[in-house]
Structures are given as C-alpha cells and as structure tokens.
N, C-alpha and C. Protein backbone atom coordinates (compact mmCIF):
# COMPACT_ATOMS: atom_id res chain seq x y z
N UNK A 1 74.10 24.38 47.88
CA UNK A 1 75.30 24.19 49.55
C UNK A 1 74.77 25.17 50.02
N UNK A 2 74.70 25.08 51.57
CA UNK A 2 74.04 26.63 52.06
C UNK A 2 75.47 27.03 52.82
N UNK A 3 75.08 28.55 53.14
CA UNK A 3 76.51 29.65 53.30
C UNK A 3 76.50 29.30 55.30
N UNK A 4 77.96 29.47 55.03
CA UNK A 4 78.61 29.75 56.05
C UNK A 4 79.34 30.53 56.83
N UNK A 5 79.38 31.36 58.26
CA UNK A 5 80.15 32.61 58.47
C UNK A 5 81.76 31.95 58.02
N UNK A 6 82.55 32.84 57.67
CA UNK A 6 84.26 32.96 57.24
C UNK A 6 84.45 32.10 58.52
N UNK A 7 83.93 32.89 59.74
CA UNK A 7 84.69 32.45 60.69
C UNK A 7 84.64 30.50 60.95
N UNK A 8 84.22 29.81 60.66
CA UNK A 8 83.89 28.53 60.32
C UNK A 8 84.71 27.99 59.82
N UNK A 9 85.56 28.43 58.51
CA UNK A 9 86.69 27.86 58.01
C UNK A 9 87.92 27.46 58.34
N UNK A 10 88.21 26.47 58.63
CA UNK A 10 89.76 26.35 58.71
C UNK A 10 90.98 26.39 58.10
N UNK A 11 91.75 26.80 58.76
CA UNK A 11 93.42 26.91 57.55
C UNK A 11 93.20 25.90 56.38
N UNK A 12 94.02 27.17 55.99
CA UNK A 12 93.74 26.69 54.31
C UNK A 12 92.88 26.58 53.20
N UNK A 13 91.78 26.24 54.10
CA UNK A 13 90.23 26.02 53.02
C UNK A 13 90.13 27.54 52.09
N UNK A 14 89.48 26.83 50.70
CA UNK A 14 88.89 27.83 49.73
C UNK A 14 87.57 27.89 50.00
N UNK A 15 87.11 29.10 50.03
CA UNK A 15 85.84 29.29 49.85
C UNK A 15 85.12 30.50 48.99
N UNK A 16 83.82 30.72 48.29
CA UNK A 16 83.19 31.65 47.46
C UNK A 16 82.54 32.15 48.60
N UNK A 17 82.63 33.53 48.31
CA UNK A 17 82.08 34.84 48.86
C UNK A 17 80.57 34.69 48.45
N UNK A 18 79.63 34.59 49.50
CA UNK A 18 78.34 34.52 48.95
C UNK A 18 77.15 36.19 49.14
N UNK A 19 77.80 36.40 50.35
CA UNK A 19 76.99 38.13 50.67
C UNK A 19 77.82 38.30 52.21
N UNK A 20 77.52 39.48 52.50
CA UNK A 20 77.93 40.10 53.84
C UNK A 20 76.76 40.76 54.14
N UNK A 21 76.73 40.50 55.60
CA UNK A 21 75.00 40.87 55.92
C UNK A 21 75.00 42.02 57.06
N UNK A 22 76.17 42.49 56.72
CA UNK A 22 76.09 44.08 57.88
C UNK A 22 76.36 44.91 56.86
N UNK A 23 75.75 45.85 56.47
CA UNK A 23 75.92 46.82 55.74
C UNK A 23 76.95 47.99 55.87
N UNK A 24 77.68 48.50 56.88
CA UNK A 24 78.76 49.02 57.17
C UNK A 24 79.62 47.86 56.96
N UNK A 25 80.00 46.68 57.47
CA UNK A 25 81.15 46.10 57.24
C UNK A 25 80.84 45.94 55.36
N UNK A 26 80.04 45.66 54.98
CA UNK A 26 79.97 45.26 53.71
C UNK A 26 80.65 46.50 52.94
N UNK A 27 80.17 47.90 53.37
CA UNK A 27 81.16 48.67 52.43
C UNK A 27 82.61 48.89 52.57
N UNK A 28 83.09 48.63 54.07
CA UNK A 28 84.72 48.87 54.15
C UNK A 28 84.99 47.15 53.26
N UNK A 29 84.63 46.41 53.39
CA UNK A 29 85.37 45.20 52.71
C UNK A 29 85.21 45.45 51.12
N UNK A 30 83.92 46.01 50.67
CA UNK A 30 84.10 45.85 49.23
C UNK A 30 84.98 47.13 48.94
N UNK A 31 85.52 47.85 49.53
CA UNK A 31 86.56 48.77 49.01
C UNK A 31 87.83 47.97 49.14
N UNK A 32 87.98 46.89 49.88
CA UNK A 32 88.82 46.32 49.97
C UNK A 32 88.76 45.23 48.99
N UNK A 33 88.09 44.86 48.23
CA UNK A 33 88.14 43.97 47.53
C UNK A 33 87.36 43.05 47.68
N UNK A 34 86.45 42.83 48.73
CA UNK A 34 85.82 41.90 49.13
C UNK A 34 84.52 41.45 48.12
N UNK A 35 84.66 41.18 47.08
CA UNK A 35 83.03 40.93 46.39
C UNK A 35 82.29 39.81 46.26
N UNK A 36 80.91 39.39 46.05
CA UNK A 36 80.37 38.48 46.05
C UNK A 36 80.89 37.71 44.97
N UNK A 37 80.97 36.18 45.38
CA UNK A 37 81.40 35.22 44.18
C UNK A 37 82.89 35.06 43.85
N UNK A 38 83.57 35.95 44.49
CA UNK A 38 84.78 36.06 44.69
C UNK A 38 86.06 34.65 45.54
N UNK A 39 86.47 33.87 45.02
CA UNK A 39 87.32 33.45 45.55
C UNK A 39 88.26 33.62 46.84
N UNK A 40 88.33 33.09 47.59
CA UNK A 40 88.90 33.53 48.81
C UNK A 40 89.63 31.96 49.80
N UNK A 41 91.08 32.16 50.01
CA UNK A 41 91.78 31.18 50.94
C UNK A 41 92.13 31.82 52.95
N UNK A 42 91.79 31.01 53.43
CA UNK A 42 91.68 31.52 55.14
C UNK A 42 93.43 31.06 55.05
N UNK A 43 94.20 32.13 55.09
CA UNK A 43 95.52 31.46 54.91
C UNK A 43 96.12 31.31 56.26
N UNK A 44 95.68 31.95 57.33
CA UNK A 44 96.35 31.90 58.27
C UNK A 44 94.94 32.61 59.65
N UNK A 45 95.45 32.05 60.92
CA UNK A 45 94.52 32.62 61.90
C UNK A 45 95.77 32.98 63.04
N UNK A 46 95.18 33.41 63.85
CA UNK A 46 96.42 34.11 64.66
C UNK A 46 96.09 32.92 65.59
N UNK A 47 97.03 33.29 66.83
CA UNK A 47 97.13 32.05 67.93
C UNK A 47 95.79 32.25 69.01
N UNK A 48 95.49 33.41 69.21
CA UNK A 48 94.07 33.57 69.87
C UNK A 48 92.91 33.61 69.19
N UNK A 49 93.01 33.14 67.58
CA UNK A 49 91.90 33.35 67.19
C UNK A 49 91.47 34.27 66.20
N UNK A 50 92.23 35.58 66.53
CA UNK A 50 91.76 37.09 66.05
C UNK A 50 93.29 37.71 65.96
N UNK A 51 93.48 37.97 64.50
CA UNK A 51 92.39 38.28 63.80
C UNK A 51 92.82 37.12 62.73
N UNK A 52 92.07 36.77 61.48
CA UNK A 52 92.20 36.22 60.61
C UNK A 52 92.95 36.70 59.13
N UNK A 53 93.82 35.82 58.43
CA UNK A 53 94.55 36.34 57.09
C UNK A 53 93.63 35.36 56.06
N UNK A 54 93.56 36.46 55.23
CA UNK A 54 92.56 36.24 54.32
C UNK A 54 93.41 36.28 52.84
N UNK A 55 93.46 35.58 51.78
CA UNK A 55 94.16 35.53 50.57
C UNK A 55 93.01 35.62 49.59
N UNK A 56 93.02 37.32 49.00
CA UNK A 56 92.02 37.94 48.14
C UNK A 56 92.75 38.31 47.18
N UNK A 57 92.70 37.82 45.93
CA UNK A 57 93.04 38.30 44.61
C UNK A 57 94.54 38.63 44.95
N UNK A 58 95.64 37.45 45.01
CA UNK A 58 97.14 37.76 45.20
C UNK A 58 97.40 38.27 45.93
N UNK A 59 96.66 38.89 47.30
CA UNK A 59 97.72 39.65 48.18
C UNK A 59 96.73 39.18 49.45
N UNK A 60 97.14 39.27 50.48
CA UNK A 60 96.62 38.48 52.27
C UNK A 60 96.29 40.42 52.58
N UNK A 61 95.18 39.87 53.66
CA UNK A 61 94.48 40.56 54.21
C UNK A 61 94.19 40.48 55.51
N UNK A 62 94.34 41.03 56.64
CA UNK A 62 93.89 40.60 57.94
C UNK A 62 92.92 41.10 58.68
N UNK A 63 92.04 40.62 58.81
CA UNK A 63 90.34 41.08 59.30
C UNK A 63 90.44 40.38 60.65
N UNK A 64 89.22 41.37 61.33
CA UNK A 64 88.79 40.87 62.63
C UNK A 64 87.86 39.90 62.36
N UNK A 65 87.92 38.86 63.58
CA UNK A 65 86.58 38.26 63.84
C UNK A 65 85.55 38.51 63.67
N UNK A 66 85.47 39.91 64.38
CA UNK A 66 83.97 40.63 64.38
C UNK A 66 83.38 40.55 62.75
N UNK A 67 84.38 40.84 62.06
CA UNK A 67 83.86 41.54 60.92
C UNK A 67 83.70 40.22 60.21
N UNK A 68 84.36 39.08 60.07
CA UNK A 68 84.54 38.14 59.39
C UNK A 68 83.25 37.39 59.44
N UNK A 69 82.89 37.04 60.43
CA UNK A 69 81.78 36.53 61.06
C UNK A 69 80.24 37.16 60.22
N UNK A 70 80.39 38.31 59.67
CA UNK A 70 79.12 38.97 58.44
C UNK A 70 79.76 38.33 57.06
N UNK A 71 81.20 37.71 56.90
CA UNK A 71 80.85 37.26 55.87
C UNK A 71 80.57 35.82 55.71
N UNK A 72 79.39 35.59 54.48
CA UNK A 72 79.15 34.09 54.92
C UNK A 72 79.55 33.39 53.23
N UNK A 73 80.11 32.39 53.37
CA UNK A 73 81.15 32.01 52.09
C UNK A 73 80.41 30.25 51.85
N UNK A 74 80.68 29.92 50.38
CA UNK A 74 80.06 28.39 50.41
C UNK A 74 81.76 27.92 50.22
N UNK A 75 82.12 26.73 50.66
CA UNK A 75 83.15 26.29 50.60
C UNK A 75 83.43 25.04 49.64
N UNK A 76 84.38 25.39 48.84
CA UNK A 76 84.82 24.89 47.54
C UNK A 76 85.56 23.60 47.77
N UNK A 77 84.83 22.36 47.19
CA UNK A 77 85.28 20.78 47.48
C UNK A 77 86.57 20.97 46.89
C-alpha cells in the first residue's frame, strides 16, 4: 500500500506513520512522540483546515497543516 500525506486523512481515520520527509520537522515531531510504525488517529480538523488534532499514544496533539504534509502514513482498513 502506498504512503499518503497525513493531510489526506479524513476525521476519524487511523493510520500508521511510515516516514517524515523533512529533517527539521522530523526532529521536532520525534521529540513529541511521532515515530515510524506508530498508529495515529486524526481526531479533528479546525474549521478552516488548520491545525489538525492527532491522537498519538493516549494524548492529543495539534499540528500545523504545513507540518502534517511532511508526515507520510498508510491507512488502517
């Protein structure tokens, strides 16, 4: 299955993080617990589309759409 950017998910969808394609974003997100092969859920999208609220290991985290476009995931069916 091909990887898609996190920004392509719809509210409520689950996915597995495959990779982050920007080194700066990767460093920051790794510190916040975004690691490859981790299951995440897109909990909410702000009314204007930015930020996104992601559930990551029992906590919610808001990230900018500009950061989310660098996170590539595969959907969980």
